N, C-alpha and C. Protein backbone atom coordinates (compact mmCIF):
# COMPACT_ATOMS: atom_id res chain seq x y z
N MET A 1 0.82 -1.22 0.02
CA MET A 1 -0.10 0.12 -0.13
C MET A 1 0.79 1.36 0.00
N SER A 2 0.76 2.17 -0.97
CA SER A 2 1.59 3.27 -1.24
C SER A 2 1.23 4.50 -0.01
N LYS A 3 1.97 5.44 0.08
CA LYS A 3 1.99 6.58 1.13
C LYS A 3 0.48 7.12 0.95
N TYR A 4 0.08 7.39 -0.52
CA TYR A 4 -1.08 8.05 -0.77
C TYR A 4 -2.27 7.23 -0.35
N ASP A 5 -2.21 5.79 -0.69
CA ASP A 5 -3.12 4.98 -0.30
C ASP A 5 -3.67 4.95 1.06
N LYS A 6 -2.45 5.41 1.85
CA LYS A 6 -2.61 5.10 3.14
C LYS A 6 -3.47 6.42 3.67
N ILE A 7 -2.89 7.63 2.91
CA ILE A 7 -3.67 8.74 3.43
C ILE A 7 -4.99 8.77 2.89
N LEU A 8 -5.40 8.34 1.89
CA LEU A 8 -6.65 8.32 1.46
C LEU A 8 -7.69 7.53 2.31
N GLN A 9 -6.88 6.34 2.73
CA GLN A 9 -7.73 5.38 3.59
C GLN A 9 -7.74 6.22 4.83
N LYS A 10 -6.94 7.02 5.32
CA LYS A 10 -7.16 7.76 6.54
C LYS A 10 -8.27 8.88 6.46
N ILE A 11 -8.42 9.35 5.14
CA ILE A 11 -9.46 10.53 5.01
C ILE A 11 -10.87 9.89 4.93
N LEU A 12 -10.83 8.67 4.41
CA LEU A 12 -12.12 7.96 4.26
C LEU A 12 -12.66 7.57 5.55
N LEU A 13 -11.98 7.12 6.25
CA LEU A 13 -12.35 6.55 7.60
C LEU A 13 -12.65 7.46 8.58
N GLY A 14 -12.22 8.88 8.56
CA GLY A 14 -12.38 9.90 9.20
C GLY A 14 -12.23 9.89 10.77
N ARG A 15 -11.12 9.32 10.97
CA ARG A 15 -10.85 9.05 12.50
C ARG A 15 -9.79 10.01 12.87
N SER A 16 -9.19 10.61 11.83
CA SER A 16 -8.01 11.47 12.27
C SER A 16 -7.86 12.68 11.44
N ASP A 17 -9.21 13.44 11.24
CA ASP A 17 -9.09 14.58 10.34
C ASP A 17 -8.04 15.87 10.95
N ALA A 18 -7.89 15.95 12.10
CA ALA A 18 -6.84 16.85 12.44
C ALA A 18 -5.47 16.50 12.57
N ASN A 19 -5.19 15.38 11.98
CA ASN A 19 -3.78 14.86 11.97
C ASN A 19 -3.28 14.47 10.51
N ILE A 20 -3.76 15.29 9.35
CA ILE A 20 -3.57 15.02 8.09
C ILE A 20 -2.53 16.00 7.62
N LEU A 21 -1.35 15.78 7.24
CA LEU A 21 -0.41 16.86 6.97
C LEU A 21 -0.89 17.66 5.69
N PHE A 22 -0.81 18.75 5.73
CA PHE A 22 -1.39 19.73 4.50
C PHE A 22 -0.62 19.40 3.11
N SER A 23 0.62 19.21 3.09
CA SER A 23 1.47 18.93 2.03
C SER A 23 0.87 17.59 1.63
N ASP A 24 0.68 16.39 2.47
CA ASP A 24 0.08 15.27 1.69
C ASP A 24 -1.20 15.43 1.19
N LEU A 25 -2.00 16.14 1.82
CA LEU A 25 -3.46 16.34 1.21
C LEU A 25 -3.35 17.04 -0.21
N CYS A 26 -2.32 17.93 -0.35
CA CYS A 26 -2.02 18.59 -1.57
C CYS A 26 -1.86 17.71 -3.01
N GLN A 27 -0.66 16.89 -2.15
CA GLN A 27 -0.31 15.83 -3.43
C GLN A 27 -1.32 14.82 -3.53
N LEU A 28 -2.11 14.27 -2.61
CA LEU A 28 -3.43 13.41 -2.90
C LEU A 28 -4.31 14.09 -3.69
N LEU A 29 -4.61 15.43 -3.72
CA LEU A 29 -5.51 15.75 -4.63
C LEU A 29 -4.76 16.00 -5.93
N ILE A 30 -3.76 16.18 -6.25
CA ILE A 30 -3.10 16.23 -7.41
C ILE A 30 -3.12 14.96 -7.97
N ARG A 31 -3.19 13.99 -7.43
CA ARG A 31 -2.91 12.53 -7.82
C ARG A 31 -4.38 12.16 -8.17
N LEU A 32 -5.33 12.82 -7.61
CA LEU A 32 -6.60 12.65 -8.12
C LEU A 32 -7.23 13.39 -9.21
N GLY A 33 -6.16 14.12 -9.74
CA GLY A 33 -6.67 14.79 -11.00
C GLY A 33 -6.98 16.09 -10.69
N PHE A 34 -6.72 16.81 -9.71
CA PHE A 34 -6.85 18.22 -9.44
C PHE A 34 -5.69 19.11 -10.03
N GLU A 35 -6.02 20.14 -10.46
CA GLU A 35 -5.29 21.36 -10.73
C GLU A 35 -4.95 22.20 -9.43
N GLU A 36 -3.92 22.58 -9.22
CA GLU A 36 -3.43 23.45 -8.01
C GLU A 36 -3.00 24.76 -8.54
N ARG A 37 -3.49 25.99 -7.80
CA ARG A 37 -3.06 27.17 -8.24
C ARG A 37 -2.77 27.86 -6.83
N VAL A 38 -1.84 28.78 -6.48
CA VAL A 38 -1.49 29.15 -4.99
C VAL A 38 -1.47 30.55 -5.29
N LYS A 39 -2.23 31.34 -4.35
CA LYS A 39 -2.15 32.60 -3.89
C LYS A 39 -1.86 32.55 -2.50
N GLY A 40 -0.94 33.38 -2.23
CA GLY A 40 -0.48 33.43 -0.80
C GLY A 40 -0.64 31.99 -0.02
N ASP A 41 -1.00 31.92 1.07
CA ASP A 41 -1.29 30.73 1.64
C ASP A 41 -2.44 29.79 1.32
N HIS A 42 -3.08 30.37 0.10
CA HIS A 42 -4.51 29.37 -0.24
C HIS A 42 -4.04 28.77 -1.34
N HIS A 43 -4.49 27.43 -1.31
CA HIS A 43 -4.12 26.49 -2.04
C HIS A 43 -5.42 26.34 -2.82
N ILE A 44 -5.78 26.48 -4.27
CA ILE A 44 -6.85 26.58 -5.02
C ILE A 44 -6.97 25.19 -5.64
N PHE A 45 -7.68 24.37 -5.75
CA PHE A 45 -7.87 22.76 -6.47
C PHE A 45 -9.01 22.97 -7.11
N THR A 46 -9.05 22.56 -8.57
CA THR A 46 -10.09 22.43 -9.34
C THR A 46 -9.99 21.29 -10.53
N ARG A 47 -10.98 20.85 -10.88
CA ARG A 47 -10.88 19.63 -11.69
C ARG A 47 -12.19 19.85 -12.83
N ILE A 48 -11.79 19.68 -13.91
CA ILE A 48 -12.81 20.15 -14.85
C ILE A 48 -14.43 19.43 -14.67
N ASP A 49 -14.14 18.28 -14.35
CA ASP A 49 -15.47 17.26 -14.16
C ASP A 49 -16.24 17.57 -12.73
N ILE A 50 -15.67 18.44 -12.07
CA ILE A 50 -16.23 18.78 -10.60
C ILE A 50 -16.42 20.12 -10.46
N GLU A 51 -17.82 20.47 -10.14
CA GLU A 51 -18.25 21.66 -9.81
C GLU A 51 -17.85 22.47 -8.59
N GLU A 52 -17.49 21.79 -7.60
CA GLU A 52 -16.78 22.52 -6.39
C GLU A 52 -15.39 22.97 -6.49
N ILE A 53 -15.14 24.26 -6.03
CA ILE A 53 -13.76 24.64 -5.99
C ILE A 53 -13.03 24.43 -4.62
N LEU A 54 -12.16 23.94 -4.51
CA LEU A 54 -11.57 23.66 -2.96
C LEU A 54 -10.39 24.85 -2.87
N ASN A 55 -10.78 25.41 -1.64
CA ASN A 55 -9.87 26.42 -1.34
C ASN A 55 -9.39 26.02 0.17
N LEU A 56 -7.96 25.70 0.11
CA LEU A 56 -7.26 25.19 1.39
C LEU A 56 -6.29 25.98 1.92
N GLN A 57 -6.17 26.05 3.03
CA GLN A 57 -5.21 26.78 3.77
C GLN A 57 -4.45 25.86 4.91
N PRO A 58 -3.08 25.85 5.06
CA PRO A 58 -2.71 25.10 6.12
C PRO A 58 -2.77 25.80 7.61
N LYS A 59 -2.61 24.97 8.57
CA LYS A 59 -2.59 25.62 9.99
C LYS A 59 -1.65 24.76 10.67
N LYS A 60 -0.39 25.50 10.97
CA LYS A 60 0.60 24.67 11.76
C LYS A 60 1.17 23.48 10.83
N GLY A 61 1.12 23.50 9.54
CA GLY A 61 1.66 22.58 8.67
C GLY A 61 0.68 21.41 8.53
N LYS A 62 -0.38 21.39 8.97
CA LYS A 62 -1.64 20.31 8.98
C LYS A 62 -2.93 21.03 8.21
N ALA A 63 -3.64 20.06 7.62
CA ALA A 63 -4.96 20.58 6.91
C ALA A 63 -5.79 20.73 8.00
N LYS A 64 -6.83 21.63 8.13
CA LYS A 64 -7.76 21.94 8.90
C LYS A 64 -8.75 20.83 8.86
N PRO A 65 -9.15 20.24 10.06
CA PRO A 65 -10.13 19.28 9.94
C PRO A 65 -11.46 19.43 9.25
N TYR A 66 -12.06 20.58 9.08
CA TYR A 66 -13.30 20.89 8.35
C TYR A 66 -13.14 20.68 6.71
N GLN A 67 -11.76 20.98 6.34
CA GLN A 67 -11.28 20.89 5.20
C GLN A 67 -11.31 19.36 4.45
N VAL A 68 -10.59 18.87 5.50
CA VAL A 68 -10.53 17.22 5.27
C VAL A 68 -11.71 16.60 5.16
N LYS A 69 -12.74 17.07 5.97
CA LYS A 69 -14.02 16.48 5.93
C LYS A 69 -14.80 16.89 4.53
N GLN A 70 -14.49 17.90 4.08
CA GLN A 70 -15.06 18.65 2.70
C GLN A 70 -14.46 17.80 1.56
N ILE A 71 -13.22 17.39 1.73
CA ILE A 71 -12.58 16.56 0.84
C ILE A 71 -12.97 15.12 0.53
N ARG A 72 -13.40 14.61 1.87
CA ARG A 72 -13.85 13.28 1.92
C ARG A 72 -15.13 13.15 1.32
N ASN A 73 -16.17 14.12 1.68
CA ASN A 73 -17.34 14.14 1.09
C ASN A 73 -17.38 14.34 -0.58
N LEU A 74 -16.57 14.99 -1.09
CA LEU A 74 -16.28 15.13 -2.35
C LEU A 74 -15.57 13.74 -3.07
N ILE A 75 -14.61 13.18 -2.38
CA ILE A 75 -14.15 11.86 -2.84
C ILE A 75 -15.21 10.99 -2.95
N LEU A 76 -15.97 10.86 -1.96
CA LEU A 76 -17.11 9.90 -1.83
C LEU A 76 -18.31 10.23 -3.04
N ARG A 77 -18.55 11.55 -3.14
CA ARG A 77 -20.02 11.98 -3.95
C ARG A 77 -19.32 11.71 -5.41
N TYR A 78 -18.24 11.88 -5.93
CA TYR A 78 -17.79 11.75 -7.28
C TYR A 78 -16.99 10.38 -7.40
N LYS A 79 -16.74 9.43 -6.42
CA LYS A 79 -16.15 8.28 -6.67
C LYS A 79 -14.88 8.51 -7.16
N LEU A 80 -13.88 9.48 -6.76
CA LEU A 80 -12.57 9.90 -7.06
C LEU A 80 -11.75 8.83 -6.74
N ARG A 81 -10.73 8.36 -8.00
CA ARG A 81 -9.70 7.49 -7.73
C ARG A 81 -8.38 8.12 -8.14
N ASP A 82 -7.25 7.64 -7.60
CA ASP A 82 -6.03 7.88 -8.03
C ASP A 82 -5.93 7.81 -9.72
N ASN A 83 -5.40 8.89 -10.22
CA ASN A 83 -5.10 8.78 -11.75
C ASN A 83 -4.03 7.62 -12.17
N ASN A 84 -3.08 7.40 -11.17
CA ASN A 84 -2.14 6.38 -11.62
C ASN A 84 -2.63 5.03 -11.82
N TYR A 85 -3.97 4.71 -11.21
CA TYR A 85 -4.56 3.38 -11.30
C TYR A 85 -5.71 3.14 -12.23
N GLU A 86 -6.01 4.36 -12.91
CA GLU A 86 -7.16 4.33 -14.00
C GLU A 86 -6.70 4.03 -15.32
C-alpha cells in the first residue's frame, strides 16, 4: 500500500481529520486529478468534471479538519480514484 493509499484510507475513515499533513493532502488531490494554483497561503484546487472549487489553507503544517471532511465528502460523492490506477 502506497503512502497516498494510506492517506486516502485515513481520510475516508474519518478518524484523524486533525492529523493530516497539509502537503500530503495537496499531493493526494493532485494525484486525484486536481489542478492546483497558489495565491499566498491559499491553495486552490479545481477539476474540470467537478463543480466545487477547493480553497485550502494550512494550519501549522496540517490540514484543517473541516477541509479534510469537505474533501472526504467530495471523494465519496464523485467516486474519485488515483489517476495512476485508472
